[in-house]
């Protein structure tokens, strides 16, 4: 009985989080976060110090 209640609560929590994550008003924030890894706001390669060749 208790395991059934816990399973149902976990399923409801999962569905609630899924619905929250797919809200249209959150989309722009998620897209901006996804682009962080590929944005070109990093240090230029010419300024990166290679530890093997420059001790």
N, C-alpha and C. Protein backbone atom coordinates (compact mmCIF):
# COMPACT_ATOMS: atom_id res chain seq x y z
N UNK A 1 0.83 -1.19 0.00
CA UNK A 1 0.00 0.00 0.00
C UNK A 1 0.87 1.25 0.00
N UNK A 2 1.85 1.29 0.90
CA UNK A 2 2.72 2.47 1.00
C UNK A 2 3.55 2.65 -0.27
N UNK A 3 4.03 1.57 -0.84
CA UNK A 3 4.84 1.69 -2.05
C UNK A 3 4.00 2.22 -3.22
N UNK A 4 2.73 1.88 -3.27
CA UNK A 4 1.83 2.40 -4.30
C UNK A 4 1.62 3.90 -4.16
N UNK A 5 1.50 4.36 -2.93
CA UNK A 5 1.32 5.80 -2.68
C UNK A 5 2.59 6.56 -3.06
N UNK A 6 3.73 6.02 -2.68
CA UNK A 6 5.00 6.67 -3.01
C UNK A 6 5.21 6.70 -4.53
N UNK A 7 4.90 5.61 -5.21
CA UNK A 7 5.02 5.56 -6.66
C UNK A 7 4.12 6.60 -7.31
N UNK A 8 2.90 6.71 -6.84
CA UNK A 8 1.96 7.69 -7.38
C UNK A 8 2.46 9.12 -7.15
N UNK A 9 2.98 9.40 -5.97
CA UNK A 9 3.51 10.72 -5.67
C UNK A 9 4.71 11.05 -6.55
N UNK A 10 5.59 10.08 -6.76
CA UNK A 10 6.75 10.30 -7.62
C UNK A 10 6.33 10.54 -9.07
N UNK A 11 5.32 9.80 -9.53
CA UNK A 11 4.82 10.00 -10.88
C UNK A 11 4.22 11.39 -11.03
N UNK A 12 3.46 11.83 -10.05
CA UNK A 12 2.87 13.17 -10.09
C UNK A 12 3.96 14.25 -10.06
N UNK A 13 4.99 14.04 -9.26
CA UNK A 13 6.10 14.98 -9.21
C UNK A 13 6.80 15.06 -10.56
N UNK A 14 7.04 13.92 -11.18
CA UNK A 14 7.67 13.88 -12.50
C UNK A 14 6.84 14.63 -13.52
N UNK A 15 5.55 14.38 -13.55
CA UNK A 15 4.66 15.05 -14.52
C UNK A 15 4.64 16.55 -14.26
N UNK A 16 4.60 16.96 -13.00
CA UNK A 16 4.59 18.39 -12.67
C UNK A 16 5.88 19.06 -13.13
N UNK A 17 7.02 18.42 -12.93
CA UNK A 17 8.29 18.99 -13.38
C UNK A 17 8.37 19.04 -14.90
N UNK A 18 7.83 18.04 -15.55
CA UNK A 18 7.82 18.00 -17.01
C UNK A 18 6.96 19.14 -17.57
N UNK A 19 5.80 19.35 -16.99
CA UNK A 19 4.92 20.43 -17.43
C UNK A 19 5.59 21.78 -17.18
N UNK A 20 6.24 21.94 -16.04
CA UNK A 20 6.92 23.20 -15.72
C UNK A 20 8.03 23.48 -16.72
N UNK A 21 8.81 22.47 -17.05
CA UNK A 21 9.95 22.66 -17.95
C UNK A 21 9.53 23.00 -19.37
N UNK A 22 8.35 22.61 -19.78
CA UNK A 22 7.89 22.86 -21.15
C UNK A 22 7.02 24.11 -21.27
N UNK A 23 7.01 24.97 -20.26
CA UNK A 23 6.24 26.21 -20.35
C UNK A 23 6.88 27.12 -21.39
N UNK A 24 6.08 27.70 -22.26
CA UNK A 24 6.62 28.57 -23.31
C UNK A 24 7.40 29.77 -22.77
N UNK A 25 7.05 30.29 -21.62
CA UNK A 25 7.75 31.47 -21.09
C UNK A 25 9.17 31.15 -20.63
N UNK A 26 9.49 29.89 -20.42
CA UNK A 26 10.83 29.49 -19.99
C UNK A 26 11.75 29.15 -21.16
N UNK A 27 11.18 29.06 -22.35
CA UNK A 27 11.94 28.59 -23.51
C UNK A 27 13.16 29.46 -23.81
N UNK A 28 13.01 30.78 -23.78
CA UNK A 28 14.13 31.65 -24.13
C UNK A 28 15.28 31.50 -23.14
N UNK A 29 14.96 31.31 -21.87
CA UNK A 29 16.01 31.10 -20.88
C UNK A 29 16.75 29.80 -21.09
N UNK A 30 16.02 28.74 -21.41
CA UNK A 30 16.65 27.45 -21.67
C UNK A 30 17.52 27.51 -22.93
N UNK A 31 17.03 28.20 -23.96
CA UNK A 31 17.81 28.32 -25.19
C UNK A 31 19.09 29.11 -24.96
N UNK A 32 19.01 30.15 -24.17
CA UNK A 32 20.20 30.95 -23.85
C UNK A 32 21.20 30.11 -23.07
N UNK A 33 20.72 29.31 -22.15
CA UNK A 33 21.60 28.44 -21.37
C UNK A 33 22.25 27.39 -22.27
N UNK A 34 21.51 26.85 -23.21
CA UNK A 34 22.05 25.84 -24.12
C UNK A 34 23.14 26.42 -25.02
N UNK A 35 23.04 27.71 -25.36
CA UNK A 35 24.03 28.34 -26.23
C UNK A 35 25.31 28.73 -25.49
N UNK A 36 25.32 28.71 -24.19
CA UNK A 36 26.50 29.13 -23.43
C UNK A 36 27.76 28.35 -23.82
N UNK A 37 27.61 27.08 -24.07
CA UNK A 37 28.77 26.24 -24.37
C UNK A 37 29.38 26.55 -25.74
N UNK A 38 28.59 27.11 -26.65
CA UNK A 38 29.10 27.33 -28.00
C UNK A 38 29.25 28.80 -28.36
N UNK A 39 28.88 29.70 -27.46
CA UNK A 39 29.04 31.12 -27.74
C UNK A 39 30.51 31.47 -27.89
N UNK A 40 30.79 32.46 -28.69
CA UNK A 40 32.17 32.83 -29.00
C UNK A 40 32.67 33.93 -28.06
N UNK A 41 32.31 33.88 -26.80
CA UNK A 41 32.75 34.87 -25.83
C UNK A 41 33.90 34.35 -24.99
N UNK A 42 34.75 33.54 -25.58
CA UNK A 42 35.85 32.93 -24.85
C UNK A 42 37.15 33.64 -25.17
N UNK A 43 38.20 33.24 -24.55
CA UNK A 43 39.53 33.81 -24.79
C UNK A 43 40.00 33.37 -26.19
N UNK A 44 40.50 34.30 -26.98
CA UNK A 44 41.01 33.91 -28.31
C UNK A 44 42.12 32.87 -28.20
N UNK A 45 42.21 32.01 -29.18
CA UNK A 45 43.20 30.93 -29.15
C UNK A 45 44.62 31.47 -29.09
N UNK A 46 44.84 32.67 -29.65
CA UNK A 46 46.19 33.24 -29.62
C UNK A 46 46.62 33.64 -28.22
N UNK A 47 45.65 33.83 -27.31
CA UNK A 47 45.98 34.22 -25.94
C UNK A 47 46.05 33.04 -24.97
N UNK A 48 45.65 31.87 -25.44
CA UNK A 48 45.68 30.69 -24.59
C UNK A 48 47.11 30.21 -24.47
N UNK A 49 47.53 30.00 -23.24
CA UNK A 49 48.91 29.58 -22.99
C UNK A 49 48.98 28.07 -22.95
N UNK A 50 49.83 27.50 -23.77
CA UNK A 50 50.02 26.06 -23.80
C UNK A 50 51.10 25.71 -22.80
N UNK A 51 50.74 25.00 -21.76
CA UNK A 51 51.66 24.68 -20.68
C UNK A 51 52.81 23.77 -21.13
N UNK A 52 52.61 22.99 -22.18
CA UNK A 52 53.68 22.08 -22.62
C UNK A 52 54.79 22.84 -23.34
N UNK A 53 54.47 23.88 -24.07
CA UNK A 53 55.50 24.58 -24.82
C UNK A 53 55.97 25.86 -24.12
N UNK A 54 55.19 26.35 -23.14
CA UNK A 54 55.56 27.56 -22.41
C UNK A 54 55.51 27.27 -20.91
N UNK A 55 56.59 26.78 -20.34
CA UNK A 55 56.55 26.41 -18.91
C UNK A 55 56.44 27.60 -17.98
